[in-house]
PDB file of N, CA and C in Angstrom:
ATOM      1  N   UNK A   1      53.899-146.341 -62.789  1.00  0.00           N
ATOM      2  CA  UNK A   1      54.707-147.293 -63.521  1.00  0.00           C
ATOM      3  C   UNK A   1      53.854-148.533 -63.813  1.00  0.00           C
ATOM      4  N   UNK A   2      53.904-148.980 -65.033  1.00  0.00           N
ATOM      5  CA  UNK A   2      53.145-150.168 -65.431  1.00  0.00           C
ATOM      6  C   UNK A   2      53.927-151.430 -65.116  1.00  0.00           C
ATOM      7  N   UNK A   3      53.213-152.482 -64.745  1.00  0.00           N
ATOM      8  CA  UNK A   3      53.874-153.776 -64.571  1.00  0.00           C
ATOM      9  C   UNK A   3      54.158-154.342 -65.958  1.00  0.00           C
ATOM     10  N   UNK A   4      54.996-155.355 -66.030  1.00  0.00           N
ATOM     11  CA  UNK A   4      55.292-155.991 -67.319  1.00  0.00           C
ATOM     12  C   UNK A   4      54.006-156.523 -67.962  1.00  0.00           C
ATOM     13  N   UNK A   5      53.145-157.126 -67.143  1.00  0.00           N
ATOM     14  CA  UNK A   5      51.883-157.654 -67.667  1.00  0.00           C
ATOM     15  C   UNK A   5      50.995-156.555 -68.217  1.00  0.00           C
ATOM     16  N   UNK A   6      50.892-155.449 -67.491  1.00  0.00           N
ATOM     17  CA  UNK A   6      50.099-154.315 -67.960  1.00  0.00           C
ATOM     18  C   UNK A   6      50.678-153.755 -69.251  1.00  0.00           C
ATOM     19  N   UNK A   7      51.993-153.721 -69.316  1.00  0.00           N
ATOM     20  CA  UNK A   7      52.670-153.206 -70.506  1.00  0.00           C
ATOM     21  C   UNK A   7      52.321-154.063 -71.735  1.00  0.00           C
ATOM     22  N   UNK A   8      52.344-155.368 -71.581  1.00  0.00           N
ATOM     23  CA  UNK A   8      52.035-156.283 -72.682  1.00  0.00           C
ATOM     24  C   UNK A   8      50.581-156.125 -73.114  1.00  0.00           C
ATOM     25  N   UNK A   9      49.670-156.113 -72.150  1.00  0.00           N
ATOM     26  CA  UNK A   9      48.243-156.011 -72.475  1.00  0.00           C
ATOM     27  C   UNK A   9      47.875-154.633 -73.020  1.00  0.00           C
ATOM     28  N   UNK A  10      48.457-153.585 -72.467  1.00  0.00           N
ATOM     29  CA  UNK A  10      48.184-152.233 -72.966  1.00  0.00           C
ATOM     30  C   UNK A  10      48.697-152.090 -74.394  1.00  0.00           C
ATOM     31  N   UNK A  11      49.808-152.726 -74.695  1.00  0.00           N
ATOM     32  CA  UNK A  11      50.342-152.678 -76.059  1.00  0.00           C
ATOM     33  C   UNK A  11      49.360-153.308 -77.043  1.00  0.00           C
ATOM     34  N   UNK A  12      48.751-154.418 -76.659  1.00  0.00           N
ATOM     35  CA  UNK A  12      47.741-155.051 -77.514  1.00  0.00           C
ATOM     36  C   UNK A  12      46.592-154.095 -77.802  1.00  0.00           C
ATOM     37  N   UNK A  13      46.173-153.391 -76.773  1.00  0.00           N
ATOM     38  CA  UNK A  13      45.081-152.428 -76.925  1.00  0.00           C
ATOM     39  C   UNK A  13      45.518-151.242 -77.793  1.00  0.00           C
ATOM     40  N   UNK A  14      46.712-150.725 -77.558  1.00  0.00           N
ATOM     41  CA  UNK A  14      47.201-149.548 -78.285  1.00  0.00           C
ATOM     42  C   UNK A  14      47.448-149.833 -79.771  1.00  0.00           C
ATOM     43  N   UNK A  15      47.712-151.079 -80.110  1.00  0.00           N
ATOM     44  CA  UNK A  15      47.913-151.429 -81.521  1.00  0.00           C
ATOM     45  C   UNK A  15      46.671-151.162 -82.365  1.00  0.00           C
ATOM     46  N   UNK A  16      45.497-151.097 -81.728  1.00  0.00           N
ATOM     47  CA  UNK A  16      44.254-150.835 -82.450  1.00  0.00           C
ATOM     48  C   UNK A  16      44.086-149.347 -82.795  1.00  0.00           C
ATOM     49  N   UNK A  17      44.864-148.488 -82.161  1.00  0.00           N
ATOM     50  CA  UNK A  17      44.747-147.049 -82.417  1.00  0.00           C
ATOM     51  C   UNK A  17      45.368-146.688 -83.760  1.00  0.00           C
ATOM     52  N   UNK A  18      44.772-145.722 -84.457  1.00  0.00           N
ATOM     53  CA  UNK A  18      45.398-145.257 -85.701  1.00  0.00           C
ATOM     54  C   UNK A  18      46.715-144.539 -85.391  1.00  0.00           C
ATOM     55  N   UNK A  19      47.656-144.526 -86.351  1.00  0.00           N
ATOM     56  CA  UNK A  19      48.972-143.922 -86.110  1.00  0.00           C
ATOM     57  C   UNK A  19      48.922-142.474 -85.620  1.00  0.00           C
ATOM     58  N   UNK A  20      47.987-141.680 -86.133  1.00  0.00           N
ATOM     59  CA  UNK A  20      47.921-140.273 -85.703  1.00  0.00           C
ATOM     60  C   UNK A  20      47.501-140.151 -84.236  1.00  0.00           C
ATOM     61  N   UNK A  21      46.680-141.076 -83.745  1.00  0.00           N
ATOM     62  CA  UNK A  21      46.305-141.066 -82.332  1.00  0.00           C
ATOM     63  C   UNK A  21      47.470-141.516 -81.456  1.00  0.00           C
ATOM     64  N   UNK A  22      48.241-142.491 -81.935  1.00  0.00           N
ATOM     65  CA  UNK A  22      49.431-142.933 -81.201  1.00  0.00           C
ATOM     66  C   UNK A  22      50.424-141.777 -81.104  1.00  0.00           C
ATOM     67  N   UNK A  23      50.603-141.065 -82.198  1.00  0.00           N
ATOM     68  CA  UNK A  23      51.520-139.921 -82.206  1.00  0.00           C
ATOM     69  C   UNK A  23      51.076-138.851 -81.209  1.00  0.00           C
ATOM     70  N   UNK A  24      49.785-138.513 -81.217  1.00  0.00           N
ATOM     71  CA  UNK A  24      49.263-137.496 -80.293  1.00  0.00           C
ATOM     72  C   UNK A  24      49.389-137.960 -78.843  1.00  0.00           C
ATOM     73  N   UNK A  25      49.084-139.229 -78.595  1.00  0.00           N
ATOM     74  CA  UNK A  25      49.165-139.777 -77.246  1.00  0.00           C
ATOM     75  C   UNK A  25      50.614-139.803 -76.753  1.00  0.00           C
ATOM     76  N   UNK A  26      51.542-140.106 -77.643  1.00  0.00           N
ATOM     77  CA  UNK A  26      52.969-140.092 -77.295  1.00  0.00           C
ATOM     78  C   UNK A  26      53.378-138.710 -76.810  1.00  0.00           C
ATOM     79  N   UNK A  27      52.984-137.699 -77.555  1.00  0.00           N
ATOM     80  CA  UNK A  27      53.329-136.333 -77.171  1.00  0.00           C
ATOM     81  C   UNK A  27      52.683-135.946 -75.845  1.00  0.00           C
ATOM     82  N   UNK A  28      51.433-136.369 -75.640  1.00  0.00           N
ATOM     83  CA  UNK A  28      50.724-136.026 -74.415  1.00  0.00           C
ATOM     84  C   UNK A  28      51.363-136.670 -73.186  1.00  0.00           C
ATOM     85  N   UNK A  29      51.563-137.987 -73.225  1.00  0.00           N
ATOM     86  CA  UNK A  29      52.070-138.664 -72.025  1.00  0.00           C
ATOM     87  C   UNK A  29      53.527-138.328 -71.731  1.00  0.00           C
ATOM     88  N   UNK A  30      54.270-137.918 -72.757  1.00  0.00           N
ATOM     89  CA  UNK A  30      55.677-137.556 -72.522  1.00  0.00           C
ATOM     90  C   UNK A  30      55.850-136.057 -72.317  1.00  0.00           C
ATOM     91  N   UNK A  31      54.739-135.337 -72.158  1.00  0.00           N
ATOM     92  CA  UNK A  31      54.767-133.878 -72.001  1.00  0.00           C
ATOM     93  C   UNK A  31      55.528-133.214 -73.151  1.00  0.00           C
ATOM     94  N   UNK A  32      55.312-133.742 -74.346  1.00  0.00           N
ATOM     95  CA  UNK A  32      55.919-133.234 -75.591  1.00  0.00           C
ATOM     96  C   UNK A  32      57.445-133.323 -75.609  1.00  0.00           C
ATOM     97  N   UNK A  33      57.993-134.222 -74.792  1.00  0.00           N
ATOM     98  CA  UNK A  33      59.447-134.405 -74.750  1.00  0.00           C
ATOM     99  C   UNK A  33      59.914-135.427 -75.782  1.00  0.00           C
ATOM    100  N   UNK A  34      58.984-136.261 -76.286  1.00  0.00           N
ATOM    101  CA  UNK A  34      59.360-137.336 -77.195  1.00  0.00           C
ATOM    102  C   UNK A  34      58.494-137.274 -78.449  1.00  0.00           C
ATOM    103  N   UNK A  35      59.132-137.454 -79.588  1.00  0.00           N
ATOM    104  CA  UNK A  35      58.396-137.662 -80.829  1.00  0.00           C
ATOM    105  C   UNK A  35      58.824-139.014 -81.376  1.00  0.00           C
ATOM    106  N   UNK A  36      57.875-139.770 -81.856  1.00  0.00           N
ATOM    107  CA  UNK A  36      58.168-141.100 -82.373  1.00  0.00           C
ATOM    108  C   UNK A  36      58.051-141.092 -83.892  1.00  0.00           C
ATOM    109  N   UNK A  37      58.953-141.793 -84.531  1.00  0.00           N
ATOM    110  CA  UNK A  37      58.964-141.852 -85.982  1.00  0.00           C
ATOM    111  C   UNK A  37      58.190-143.047 -86.526  1.00  0.00           C
ATOM    112  N   UNK A  38      57.657-143.890 -85.638  1.00  0.00           N
ATOM    113  CA  UNK A  38      56.841-145.022 -86.070  1.00  0.00           C
ATOM    114  C   UNK A  38      55.773-145.291 -85.006  1.00  0.00           C
ATOM    115  N   UNK A  39      54.759-146.013 -85.400  1.00  0.00           N
ATOM    116  CA  UNK A  39      53.682-146.355 -84.466  1.00  0.00           C
ATOM    117  C   UNK A  39      54.235-147.203 -83.318  1.00  0.00           C
ATOM    118  N   UNK A  40      55.070-148.173 -83.652  1.00  0.00           N
ATOM    119  CA  UNK A  40      55.659-149.067 -82.641  1.00  0.00           C
ATOM    120  C   UNK A  40      56.483-148.280 -81.618  1.00  0.00           C
ATOM    121  N   UNK A  41      57.288-147.357 -82.102  1.00  0.00           N
ATOM    122  CA  UNK A  41      58.106-146.532 -81.211  1.00  0.00           C
ATOM    123  C   UNK A  41      57.225-145.649 -80.341  1.00  0.00           C
ATOM    124  N   UNK A  42      56.138-145.149 -80.913  1.00  0.00           N
ATOM    125  CA  UNK A  42      55.201-144.330 -80.151  1.00  0.00           C
ATOM    126  C   UNK A  42      54.571-145.120 -79.021  1.00  0.00           C
ATOM    127  N   UNK A  43      54.162-146.343 -79.325  1.00  0.00           N
ATOM    128  CA  UNK A  43      53.549-147.203 -78.304  1.00  0.00           C
ATOM    129  C   UNK A  43      54.556-147.484 -77.191  1.00  0.00           C
ATOM    130  N   UNK A  44      55.798-147.769 -77.556  1.00  0.00           N
ATOM    131  CA  UNK A  44      56.832-148.014 -76.536  1.00  0.00           C
ATOM    132  C   UNK A  44      57.020-146.792 -75.639  1.00  0.00           C
ATOM    133  N   UNK A  45      57.012-145.607 -76.234  1.00  0.00           N
ATOM    134  CA  UNK A  45      57.163-144.377 -75.445  1.00  0.00           C
ATOM    135  C   UNK A  45      55.952-144.152 -74.549  1.00  0.00           C
ATOM    136  N   UNK A  46      54.761-144.425 -75.060  1.00  0.00           N
ATOM    137  CA  UNK A  46      53.540-144.290 -74.263  1.00  0.00           C
ATOM    138  C   UNK A  46      53.626-145.190 -73.033  1.00  0.00           C
ATOM    139  N   UNK A  47      54.046-146.424 -73.232  1.00  0.00           N
ATOM    140  CA  UNK A  47      54.147-147.371 -72.119  1.00  0.00           C
ATOM    141  C   UNK A  47      55.222-146.947 -71.129  1.00  0.00           C
ATOM    142  N   UNK A  48      56.287-146.362 -71.624  1.00  0.00           N
ATOM    143  CA  UNK A  48      57.377-145.916 -70.765  1.00  0.00           C
ATOM    144  C   UNK A  48      56.971-144.724 -69.905  1.00  0.00           C
ATOM    145  N   UNK A  49      56.222-143.796 -70.481  1.00  0.00           N
ATOM    146  CA  UNK A  49      55.889-142.554 -69.787  1.00  0.00           C
ATOM    147  C   UNK A  49      54.547-142.587 -69.050  1.00  0.00           C
ATOM    148  N   UNK A  50      53.731-143.608 -69.240  1.00  0.00           N
ATOM    149  CA  UNK A  50      52.434-143.662 -68.554  1.00  0.00           C
ATOM    150  C   UNK A  50      52.633-143.924 -67.070  1.00  0.00           C
ATOM    151  N   UNK A  51      51.913-143.158 -66.257  1.00  0.00           N
ATOM    152  CA  UNK A  51      52.046-143.274 -64.807  1.00  0.00           C
ATOM    153  C   UNK A  51      51.343-144.508 -64.258  1.00  0.00           C
ATOM    154  N   UNK A  52      50.206-144.869 -64.857  1.00  0.00           N
ATOM    155  CA  UNK A  52      49.458-146.036 -64.388  1.00  0.00           C
ATOM    156  C   UNK A  52      48.583-146.557 -65.515  1.00  0.00           C
ATOM    157  N   UNK A  53      48.135-147.786 -65.350  1.00  0.00           N
ATOM    158  CA  UNK A  53      47.247-148.384 -66.347  1.00  0.00           C
ATOM    159  C   UNK A  53      45.933-147.608 -66.419  1.00  0.00           C
ATOM    160  N   UNK A  54      45.414-147.233 -65.267  1.00  0.00           N
ATOM    161  CA  UNK A  54      44.151-146.492 -65.235  1.00  0.00           C
ATOM    162  C   UNK A  54      44.284-145.161 -65.963  1.00  0.00           C
ATOM    163  N   UNK A  55      45.360-144.457 -65.693  1.00  0.00           N
ATOM    164  CA  UNK A  55      45.601-143.164 -66.338  1.00  0.00           C
ATOM    165  C   UNK A  55      45.696-143.338 -67.847  1.00  0.00           C
ATOM    166  N   UNK A  56      46.368-144.370 -68.304  1.00  0.00           N
ATOM    167  CA  UNK A  56      46.511-144.621 -69.736  1.00  0.00           C
ATOM    168  C   UNK A  56      45.170-144.942 -70.382  1.00  0.00           C
ATOM    169  N   UNK A  57      44.408-145.843 -69.778  1.00  0.00           N
ATOM    170  CA  UNK A  57      43.131-146.263 -70.349  1.00  0.00           C
ATOM    171  C   UNK A  57      42.108-145.133 -70.382  1.00  0.00           C
ATOM    172  N   UNK A  58      42.234-144.175 -69.483  1.00  0.00           N
ATOM    173  CA  UNK A  58      41.280-143.065 -69.426  1.00  0.00           C
ATOM    174  C   UNK A  58      41.601-141.953 -70.425  1.00  0.00           C
ATOM    175  N   UNK A  59      42.729-142.050 -71.101  1.00  0.00           N
ATOM    176  CA  UNK A  59      43.106-141.017 -72.073  1.00  0.00           C
ATOM    177  C   UNK A  59      42.059-140.911 -73.182  1.00  0.00           C
ATOM    178  N   UNK A  60      41.865-139.694 -73.655  1.00  0.00           N
ATOM    179  CA  UNK A  60      40.866-139.397 -74.678  1.00  0.00           C
ATOM    180  C   UNK A  60      41.101-140.195 -75.972  1.00  0.00           C
ATOM    181  N   UNK A  61      42.348-140.382 -76.345  1.00  0.00           N
ATOM    182  CA  UNK A  61      42.668-141.091 -77.590  1.00  0.00           C
ATOM    183  C   UNK A  61      42.400-142.594 -77.501  1.00  0.00           C
ATOM    184  N   UNK A  62      42.313-143.127 -76.289  1.00  0.00           N
ATOM    185  CA  UNK A  62      41.938-144.536 -76.105  1.00  0.00           C
ATOM    186  C   UNK A  62      40.414-144.550 -76.018  1.00  0.00           C
ATOM    187  N   UNK A  63      39.802-144.837 -77.131  1.00  0.00           N
ATOM    188  CA  UNK A  63      38.352-144.705 -77.241  1.00  0.00           C
ATOM    189  C   UNK A  63      37.619-145.952 -76.760  1.00  0.00           C
ATOM    190  N   UNK A  64      36.344-145.751 -76.436  1.00  0.00           N
ATOM    191  CA  UNK A  64      35.466-146.845 -75.991  1.00  0.00           C
ATOM    192  C   UNK A  64      35.571-148.050 -76.925  1.00  0.00           C
ATOM    193  N   UNK A  65      35.529-147.746 -78.239  1.00  0.00           N
ATOM    194  CA  UNK A  65      35.540-148.813 -79.245  1.00  0.00           C
ATOM    195  C   UNK A  65      36.789-149.687 -79.133  1.00  0.00           C
ATOM    196  N   UNK A  66      37.928-149.061 -78.819  1.00  0.00           N
ATOM    197  CA  UNK A  66      39.174-149.824 -78.669  1.00  0.00           C
ATOM    198  C   UNK A  66      39.095-150.739 -77.446  1.00  0.00           C
ATOM    199  N   UNK A  67      38.493-150.223 -76.382  1.00  0.00           N
ATOM    200  CA  UNK A  67      38.383-151.013 -75.149  1.00  0.00           C
ATOM    201  C   UNK A  67      37.400-152.159 -75.342  1.00  0.00           C
ATOM    202  N   UNK A  68      36.271-151.888 -76.005  1.00  0.00           N
ATOM    203  CA  UNK A  68      35.286-152.946 -76.290  1.00  0.00           C
ATOM    204  C   UNK A  68      35.937-154.047 -77.125  1.00  0.00           C
ATOM    205  N   UNK A  69      36.687-153.641 -78.151  1.00  0.00           N
ATOM    206  CA  UNK A  69      37.352-154.614 -79.019  1.00  0.00           C
ATOM    207  C   UNK A  69      38.368-155.442 -78.225  1.00  0.00           C
ATOM    208  N   UNK A  70      39.148-154.791 -77.355  1.00  0.00           N
ATOM    209  CA  UNK A  70      40.124-155.505 -76.528  1.00  0.00           C
ATOM    210  C   UNK A  70      39.428-156.530 -75.640  1.00  0.00           C
ATOM    211  N   UNK A  71      38.362-156.084 -74.958  1.00  0.00           N
ATOM    212  CA  UNK A  71      37.649-157.000 -74.063  1.00  0.00           C
ATOM    213  C   UNK A  71      37.067-158.189 -74.823  1.00  0.00           C
ATOM    214  N   UNK A  72      36.530-157.944 -76.002  1.00  0.00           N
ATOM    215  CA  UNK A  72      35.951-159.056 -76.769  1.00  0.00           C
ATOM    216  C   UNK A  72      37.039-160.029 -77.226  1.00  0.00           C
ATOM    217  N   UNK A  73      38.232-159.511 -77.557  1.00  0.00           N
ATOM    218  CA  UNK A  73      39.353-160.383 -77.923  1.00  0.00           C
ATOM    219  C   UNK A  73      39.792-161.248 -76.747  1.00  0.00           C
ATOM    220  N   UNK A  74      39.538-160.762 -75.535  1.00  0.00           N
ATOM    221  CA  UNK A  74      39.892-161.513 -74.327  1.00  0.00           C
ATOM    222  C   UNK A  74      38.745-162.407 -73.862  1.00  0.00           C
ATOM    223  N   UNK A  75      37.678-162.477 -74.666  1.00  0.00           N
ATOM    224  CA  UNK A  75      36.545-163.324 -74.311  1.00  0.00           C
ATOM    225  C   UNK A  75      35.621-162.705 -73.287  1.00  0.00           C
ATOM    226  N   UNK A  76      35.717-161.398 -73.100  1.00  0.00           N
ATOM    227  CA  UNK A  76      34.884-160.685 -72.138  1.00  0.00           C
ATOM    228  C   UNK A  76      33.824-159.902 -72.905  1.00  0.00           C
ATOM    229  N   UNK A  77      32.598-160.377 -72.872  1.00  0.00           N
ATOM    230  CA  UNK A  77      31.528-159.692 -73.591  1.00  0.00           C
ATOM    231  C   UNK A  77      31.349-158.287 -73.036  1.00  0.00           C
ATOM    232  N   UNK A  78      31.300-157.320 -73.941  1.00  0.00           N
ATOM    233  CA  UNK A  78      31.120-155.930 -73.533  1.00  0.00           C
ATOM    234  C   UNK A  78      30.055-155.311 -74.422  1.00  0.00           C
ATOM    235  N   UNK A  79      29.177-154.574 -73.817  1.00  0.00           N
ATOM    236  CA  UNK A  79      28.100-153.917 -74.547  1.00  0.00           C
ATOM    237  C   UNK A  79      28.611-152.620 -75.159  1.00  0.00           C
ATOM    238  N   UNK A  80      28.192-152.355 -76.381  1.00  0.00           N
ATOM    239  CA  UNK A  80      28.561-151.095 -77.027  1.00  0.00           C
ATOM    240  C   UNK A  80      27.884-149.910 -76.343  1.00  0.00           C
ATOM    241  N   UNK A  81      26.876-150.184 -75.523  1.00  0.00           N
ATOM    242  CA  UNK A  81      26.173-149.127 -74.802  1.00  0.00           C
ATOM    243  C   UNK A  81      26.868-148.773 -73.481  1.00  0.00           C
ATOM    244  N   UNK A  82      27.799-149.604 -73.064  1.00  0.00           N
ATOM    245  CA  UNK A  82      28.503-149.390 -71.790  1.00  0.00           C
ATOM    246  C   UNK A  82      29.397-148.156 -71.889  1.00  0.00           C
ATOM    247  N   UNK A  83      29.423-147.340 -70.823  1.00  0.00           N
ATOM    248  CA  UNK A  83      30.240-146.127 -70.870  1.00  0.00           C
ATOM    249  C   UNK A  83      31.715-146.456 -70.657  1.00  0.00           C
ATOM    250  N   UNK A  84      32.567-145.512 -71.048  1.00  0.00           N
ATOM    251  CA  UNK A  84      34.008-145.746 -71.016  1.00  0.00           C
ATOM    252  C   UNK A  84      34.525-146.007 -69.605  1.00  0.00           C
ATOM    253  N   UNK A  85      33.986-145.297 -68.625  1.00  0.00           N
ATOM    254  CA  UNK A  85      34.436-145.471 -67.244  1.00  0.00           C
ATOM    255  C   UNK A  85      34.252-146.908 -66.772  1.00  0.00           C
ATOM    256  N   UNK A  86      33.091-147.491 -67.055  1.00  0.00           N
ATOM    257  CA  UNK A  86      32.858-148.875 -66.626  1.00  0.00           C
ATOM    258  C   UNK A  86      33.687-149.854 -67.449  1.00  0.00           C
ATOM    259  N   UNK A  87      33.953-149.533 -68.721  1.00  0.00           N
ATOM    260  CA  UNK A  87      34.811-150.393 -69.539  1.00  0.00           C
ATOM    261  C   UNK A  87      36.243-150.391 -69.013  1.00  0.00           C
ATOM    262  N   UNK A  88      36.737-149.222 -68.636  1.00  0.00           N
ATOM    263  CA  UNK A  88      38.083-149.122 -68.062  1.00  0.00           C
ATOM    264  C   UNK A  88      38.154-149.950 -66.783  1.00  0.00           C
ATOM    265  N   UNK A  89      37.139-149.844 -65.946  1.00  0.00           N
ATOM    266  CA  UNK A  89      37.102-150.632 -64.706  1.00  0.00           C
ATOM    267  C   UNK A  89      37.107-152.129 -65.015  1.00  0.00           C
ATOM    268  N   UNK A  90      36.374-152.531 -66.050  1.00  0.00           N
ATOM    269  CA  UNK A  90      36.342-153.951 -66.422  1.00  0.00           C
ATOM    270  C   UNK A  90      37.707-154.439 -66.883  1.00  0.00           C
ATOM    271  N   UNK A  91      38.421-153.619 -67.641  1.00  0.00           N
ATOM    272  CA  UNK A  91      39.767-154.000 -68.080  1.00  0.00           C
ATOM    273  C   UNK A  91      40.679-154.139 -66.869  1.00  0.00           C
ATOM    274  N   UNK A  92      40.644-153.156 -65.979  1.00  0.00           N
ATOM    275  CA  UNK A  92      41.496-153.206 -64.779  1.00  0.00           C
ATOM    276  C   UNK A  92      41.149-154.406 -63.903  1.00  0.00           C
ATOM    277  N   UNK A  93      39.859-154.701 -63.766  1.00  0.00           N
ATOM    278  CA  UNK A  93      39.430-155.875 -62.996  1.00  0.00           C
ATOM    279  C   UNK A  93      39.914-157.167 -63.659  1.00  0.00           C
ATOM    280  N   UNK A  94      39.814-157.219 -64.980  1.00  0.00           N
ATOM    281  CA  UNK A  94      40.287-158.395 -65.729  1.00  0.00           C
ATOM    282  C   UNK A  94      41.788-158.589 -65.494  1.00  0.00           C
ATOM    283  N   UNK A  95      42.543-157.501 -65.580  1.00  0.00           N
ATOM    284  CA  UNK A  95      43.985-157.590 -65.375  1.00  0.00           C
ATOM    285  C   UNK A  95      44.307-158.038 -63.959  1.00  0.00           C
ATOM    286  N   UNK A  96      43.563-157.515 -62.982  1.00  0.00           N
ATOM    287  CA  UNK A  96      43.800-157.911 -61.589  1.00  0.00           C
ATOM    288  C   UNK A  96      43.460-159.384 -61.386  1.00  0.00           C
ATOM    289  N   UNK A  97      42.333-159.813 -61.934  1.00  0.00           N
ATOM    290  CA  UNK A  97      41.888-161.205 -61.790  1.00  0.00           C
ATOM    291  C   UNK A  97      42.905-162.177 -62.395  1.00  0.00           C
ATOM    292  N   UNK A  98      43.548-161.779 -63.466  1.00  0.00           N
ATOM    293  CA  UNK A  98      44.508-162.649 -64.155  1.00  0.00           C
ATOM    294  C   UNK A  98      45.960-162.319 -63.785  1.00  0.00           C
ATOM    295  N   UNK A  99      46.134-161.626 -62.662  1.00  0.00           N
ATOM    296  CA  UNK A  99      47.460-161.271 -62.126  1.00  0.00           C
ATOM    297  C   UNK A  99      48.317-160.480 -63.113  1.00  0.00           C
ATOM    298  N   UNK A 100      47.683-159.774 -64.037  1.00  0.00           N
ATOM    299  CA  UNK A 100      48.416-158.947 -64.990  1.00  0.00           C
ATOM    300  C   UNK A 100      48.932-157.697 -64.297  1.00  0.00           C
ATOM    301  N   UNK A 101      48.174-157.200 -63.334  1.00  0.00           N
ATOM    302  CA  UNK A 101      48.559-155.986 -62.614  1.00  0.00           C
ATOM    303  C   UNK A 101      49.439-156.262 -61.405  1.00  0.00           C
ATOM    304  N   UNK A 102      49.771-157.515 -61.174  1.00  0.00           N
ATOM    305  CA  UNK A 102      50.556-157.904 -60.007  1.00  0.00           C
ATOM    306  C   UNK A 102      52.012-157.467 -60.176  1.00  0.00           C
ATOM    307  N   UNK A 103      52.495-156.560 -59.312  1.00  0.00           N
ATOM    308  CA  UNK A 103      53.878-156.084 -59.432  1.00  0.00           C
ATOM    309  C   UNK A 103      54.920-157.191 -59.341  1.00  0.00           C
ATOM    310  N   UNK A 104      54.590-158.314 -58.728  1.00  0.00           N
ATOM    311  CA  UNK A 104      55.570-159.394 -58.639  1.00  0.00           C
ATOM    312  C   UNK A 104      55.797-160.040 -59.997  1.00  0.00           C
ATOM    313  N   UNK A 105      54.940-159.707 -60.983  1.00  0.00           N
ATOM    314  CA  UNK A 105      55.168-160.186 -62.339  1.00  0.00           C
ATOM    315  C   UNK A 105      56.254-159.385 -63.027  1.00  0.00           C
ATOM    316  N   UNK A 106      56.833-158.438 -62.317  1.00  0.00           N
ATOM    317  CA  UNK A 106      57.892-157.597 -62.862  1.00  0.00           C
ATOM    318  C   UNK A 106      57.334-156.245 -63.253  1.00  0.00           C
ATOM    319  N   UNK A 107      58.140-155.230 -63.138  1.00  0.00           N
ATOM    320  CA  UNK A 107      57.690-153.905 -63.532  1.00  0.00           C
ATOM    321  C   UNK A 107      58.615-153.360 -64.604  1.00  0.00           C
ATOM    322  N   UNK A 108      58.142-152.369 -65.271  1.00  0.00           N
ATOM    323  CA  UNK A 108      58.917-151.751 -66.334  1.00  0.00           C
ATOM    324  C   UNK A 108      60.092-151.019 -65.693  1.00  0.00           C
ATOM    325  N   UNK A 109      61.278-151.303 -66.132  1.00  0.00           N
ATOM    326  CA  UNK A 109      62.452-150.636 -65.591  1.00  0.00           C
ATOM    327  C   UNK A 109      62.768-149.426 -66.438  1.00  0.00           C
ATOM    328  N   UNK A 110      62.885-148.294 -65.771  1.00  0.00           N
ATOM    329  CA  UNK A 110      63.149-147.043 -66.459  1.00  0.00           C
ATOM    330  C   UNK A 110      64.656-146.901 -66.619  1.00  0.00           C
ATOM    331  N   UNK A 111      65.185-147.401 -67.722  1.00  0.00           N
ATOM    332  CA  UNK A 111      66.623-147.297 -67.935  1.00  0.00           C
ATOM    333  C   UNK A 111      66.989-146.069 -68.753  1.00  0.00           C
ATOM    334  N   UNK A 112      65.980-145.232 -69.035  1.00  0.00           N
ATOM    335  CA  UNK A 112      66.241-144.018 -69.789  1.00  0.00           C
ATOM    336  C   UNK A 112      66.331-144.259 -71.278  1.00  0.00           C
ATOM    337  N   UNK A 113      66.227-145.513 -71.695  1.00  0.00           N
ATOM    338  CA  UNK A 113      66.361-145.817 -73.110  1.00  0.00           C
ATOM    339  C   UNK A 113      65.038-145.715 -73.847  1.00  0.00           C
ATOM    340  N   UNK A 114      65.108-145.206 -75.051  1.00  0.00           N
ATOM    341  CA  UNK A 114      63.947-145.140 -75.927  1.00  0.00           C
ATOM    342  C   UNK A 114      64.231-145.992 -77.145  1.00  0.00           C
ATOM    343  N   UNK A 115      63.181-146.328 -77.861  1.00  0.00           N
ATOM    344  CA  UNK A 115      63.350-147.043 -79.116  1.00  0.00           C
ATOM    345  C   UNK A 115      64.224-146.198 -80.038  1.00  0.00           C
ATOM    346  N   UNK A 116      64.985-146.829 -80.926  1.00  0.00           N
ATOM    347  CA  UNK A 116      65.886-146.076 -81.800  1.00  0.00           C
ATOM    348  C   UNK A 116      65.186-145.022 -82.652  1.00  0.00           C
ATOM    349  N   UNK A 117      63.903-145.202 -82.944  1.00  0.00           N
ATOM    350  CA  UNK A 117      63.212-144.226 -83.778  1.00  0.00           C
ATOM    351  C   UNK A 117      62.367-143.251 -82.954  1.00  0.00           C
ATOM    352  N   UNK A 118      62.755-143.021 -81.700  1.00  0.00           N
ATOM    353  CA  UNK A 118      62.163-141.979 -80.847  1.00  0.00           C
ATOM    354  C   UNK A 118      63.220-140.909 -80.621  1.00  0.00           C
ATOM    355  N   UNK A 119      62.770-139.693 -80.534  1.00  0.00           N
ATOM    356  CA  UNK A 119      63.683-138.594 -80.305  1.00  0.00           C
ATOM    357  C   UNK A 119      63.191-137.748 -79.153  1.00  0.00           C
ATOM    358  N   UNK A 120      64.096-137.372 -78.273  1.00  0.00           N
ATOM    359  CA  UNK A 120      63.749-136.443 -77.209  1.00  0.00           C
ATOM    360  C   UNK A 120      63.821-135.050 -77.807  1.00  0.00           C
ATOM    361  N   UNK A 121      62.728-134.318 -77.637  1.00  0.00           N
ATOM    362  CA  UNK A 121      62.631-132.979 -78.206  1.00  0.00           C
ATOM    363  C   UNK A 121      63.317-131.993 -77.296  1.00  0.00           C
ATOM    364  N   UNK A 122      64.194-131.208 -77.850  1.00  0.00           N
ATOM    365  CA  UNK A 122      64.933-130.193 -77.102  1.00  0.00           C
ATOM    366  C   UNK A 122      64.327-128.838 -77.382  1.00  0.00           C
ATOM    367  N   UNK A 123      63.840-128.153 -76.340  1.00  0.00           N
ATOM    368  CA  UNK A 123      63.227-126.838 -76.536  1.00  0.00           C
ATOM    369  C   UNK A 123      64.260-125.761 -76.755  1.00  0.00           C
TER     370      UNK A 123
END
């Protein structure tokens, strides 16, 4: 479960993904139970179904370039030569240092609700 701070910061990072990657990631993290009709709805579903920040950042669709761009927007210089594993660690360290990962900042409450433009897929 992501904290509220992680949810906000991960959303900033996910906004850089192209819509087709958001759609694929939505299906992956929800075990193909949810389809989103918009990028925003997909991001909300991704945040709802992600088990942890680390698990989300390590996903194949979250590319090195997106993480480098996020870190630079946060004023954290990142080398384009740096591997994804160390970039993910830097993001997690940044979030911890700035109390973004602190559960006392509130956690995402699973009320079972999805964005209006998300649909649960029935097999």
